[in-house]
C-alpha atoms as a PDB file:
ATOM      1  CA  MET A   1      45.983  34.074  -5.981  1.00  0.00           C
ATOM      2  CA  THR A   2      42.740  35.226  -7.086  1.00  0.00           C
ATOM      3  CA  LEU A   3      40.664  33.220  -9.303  1.00  0.00           C
ATOM      4  CA  LYS A   4      41.733  34.754 -12.706  1.00  0.00           C
ATOM      5  CA  GLU A   5      44.865  33.069 -11.773  1.00  0.00           C
ATOM      6  CA  ILE A   6      43.197  29.391 -11.916  1.00  0.00           C
ATOM      7  CA  GLY A   7      44.037  27.145 -14.901  1.00  0.00           C
ATOM      8  CA  VAL A   8      40.484  25.513 -16.442  1.00  0.00           C
ATOM      9  CA  ASN A   9      39.133  21.670 -14.530  1.00  0.00           C
ATOM     10  CA  HIS A  10      40.634  23.252 -11.222  1.00  0.00           C
ATOM     11  CA  THR A  11      38.559  23.554  -7.935  1.00  0.00           C
ATOM     12  CA  CYS A  12      39.271  25.891  -5.210  1.00  0.00           C
ATOM     13  CA  ILE A  13      37.912  27.684  -2.222  1.00  0.00           C
ATOM     14  CA  VAL A  14      37.059  30.827  -1.663  1.00  0.00           C
ATOM     15  CA  SER A  15      39.127  33.097   1.168  1.00  0.00           C
ATOM     16  CA  LYS A  16      37.981  36.374   0.502  1.00  0.00           C
ATOM     17  CA  VAL A  17      36.398  38.392  -1.546  1.00  0.00           C
ATOM     18  CA  VAL A  18      37.762  42.306  -2.026  1.00  0.00           C
ATOM     19  CA  GLY A  19      36.784  45.329  -3.712  1.00  0.00           C
ATOM     20  CA  ASP A  20      34.389  47.996  -3.743  1.00  0.00           C
ATOM     21  CA  LYS A  21      30.383  47.199  -1.777  1.00  0.00           C
ATOM     22  CA  ALA A  22      28.821  47.080  -4.733  1.00  0.00           C
ATOM     23  CA  ILE A  23      31.210  44.396  -6.295  1.00  0.00           C
ATOM     24  CA  LYS A  24      31.150  42.624  -3.328  1.00  0.00           C
ATOM     25  CA  LYS A  25      27.378  42.339  -2.878  1.00  0.00           C
ATOM     26  CA  ARG A  26      27.710  41.593  -6.660  1.00  0.00           C
ATOM     27  CA  LEU A  27      29.421  38.222  -6.488  1.00  0.00           C
ATOM     28  CA  MET A  28      27.485  37.583  -2.862  1.00  0.00           C
ATOM     29  CA  ASP A  29      24.282  37.569  -4.423  1.00  0.00           C
ATOM     30  CA  MET A  30      25.885  35.190  -6.859  1.00  0.00           C
ATOM     31  CA  GLY A  31      26.571  33.064  -4.232  1.00  0.00           C
ATOM     32  CA  ILE A  32      30.301  33.891  -4.304  1.00  0.00           C
ATOM     33  CA  ILE A  33      31.405  33.559  -0.528  1.00  0.00           C
ATOM     34  CA  LYS A  34      34.077  32.647   1.464  1.00  0.00           C
ATOM     35  CA  GLY A  35      34.350  28.831   2.185  1.00  0.00           C
ATOM     36  CA  VAL A  36      32.831  28.087  -1.659  1.00  0.00           C
ATOM     37  CA  SER A  37      34.196  25.684  -4.010  1.00  0.00           C
ATOM     38  CA  ILE A  38      34.314  26.939  -7.291  1.00  0.00           C
ATOM     39  CA  LYS A  39      35.441  25.065 -10.136  1.00  0.00           C
ATOM     40  CA  VAL A  40      37.094  26.990 -13.553  1.00  0.00           C
ATOM     41  CA  VAL A  41      34.850  24.942 -16.334  1.00  0.00           C
ATOM     42  CA  LYS A  42      36.131  26.793 -19.107  1.00  0.00           C
ATOM     43  CA  ILE A  43      37.822  30.496 -20.147  1.00  0.00           C
ATOM     44  CA  ALA A  44      37.391  32.760 -23.187  1.00  0.00           C
ATOM     45  CA  PRO A  45      40.278  32.557 -25.955  1.00  0.00           C
ATOM     46  CA  LEU A  46      41.219  36.527 -24.842  1.00  0.00           C
ATOM     47  CA  GLY A  47      40.611  35.633 -21.149  1.00  0.00           C
ATOM     48  CA  ASP A  48      37.126  36.849 -20.615  1.00  0.00           C
ATOM     49  CA  PRO A  49      34.854  35.772 -19.348  1.00  0.00           C
ATOM     50  CA  ILE A  50      35.182  32.573 -17.393  1.00  0.00           C
ATOM     51  CA  GLN A  51      32.587  30.249 -16.864  1.00  0.00           C
ATOM     52  CA  ILE A  52      32.572  29.001 -13.508  1.00  0.00           C
ATOM     53  CA  GLU A  53      30.683  26.180 -11.388  1.00  0.00           C
ATOM     54  CA  LEU A  54      29.698  26.450  -8.221  1.00  0.00           C
ATOM     55  CA  LYS A  55      26.853  24.880  -5.822  1.00  0.00           C
ATOM     56  CA  GLY A  56      25.501  22.935  -8.786  1.00  0.00           C
ATOM     57  CA  TYR A  57      25.343  25.713 -10.983  1.00  0.00           C
ATOM     58  CA  GLU A  58      27.299  27.379 -13.260  1.00  0.00           C
ATOM     59  CA  LEU A  59      27.903  31.177 -13.673  1.00  0.00           C
ATOM     60  CA  THR A  60      29.796  33.619 -16.174  1.00  0.00           C
ATOM     61  CA  ILE A  61      32.070  36.164 -14.753  1.00  0.00           C
ATOM     62  CA  ARG A  62      34.214  38.758 -15.971  1.00  0.00           C
ATOM     63  CA  LYS A  63      38.326  38.740 -16.027  1.00  0.00           C
ATOM     64  CA  GLU A  64      37.858  41.941 -13.729  1.00  0.00           C
ATOM     65  CA  GLU A  65      35.495  40.156 -10.966  1.00  0.00           C
ATOM     66  CA  ALA A  66      37.682  37.228 -11.074  1.00  0.00           C
ATOM     67  CA  ASP A  67      40.334  39.390  -9.938  1.00  0.00           C
ATOM     68  CA  LYS A  68      38.501  40.280  -6.846  1.00  0.00           C
ATOM     69  CA  ILE A  69      38.068  37.032  -5.672  1.00  0.00           C
ATOM     70  CA  ILE A  70      40.924  35.641  -3.374  1.00  0.00           C
ATOM     71  CA  VAL A  71      41.174  31.533  -3.125  1.00  0.00           C
ATOM     72  CA  GLY A  72      43.175  29.477  -1.092  1.00  0.00           C
END
């Protein structure tokens, strides 16, 4: 299951980040790494972007990025 499939107000743990090297680095630089807890705060009406909360701060990521984050 990917982060893109998680509903609003649900929390999940990152299992893996997939994709090319540039995407993985970008997500890792934002703190999205294996083992991190992420809460989906808000999803825009058309599903893009997605607002998430992790490590005490909020981020907005694109749907394509959320699809690269495997959660458990």
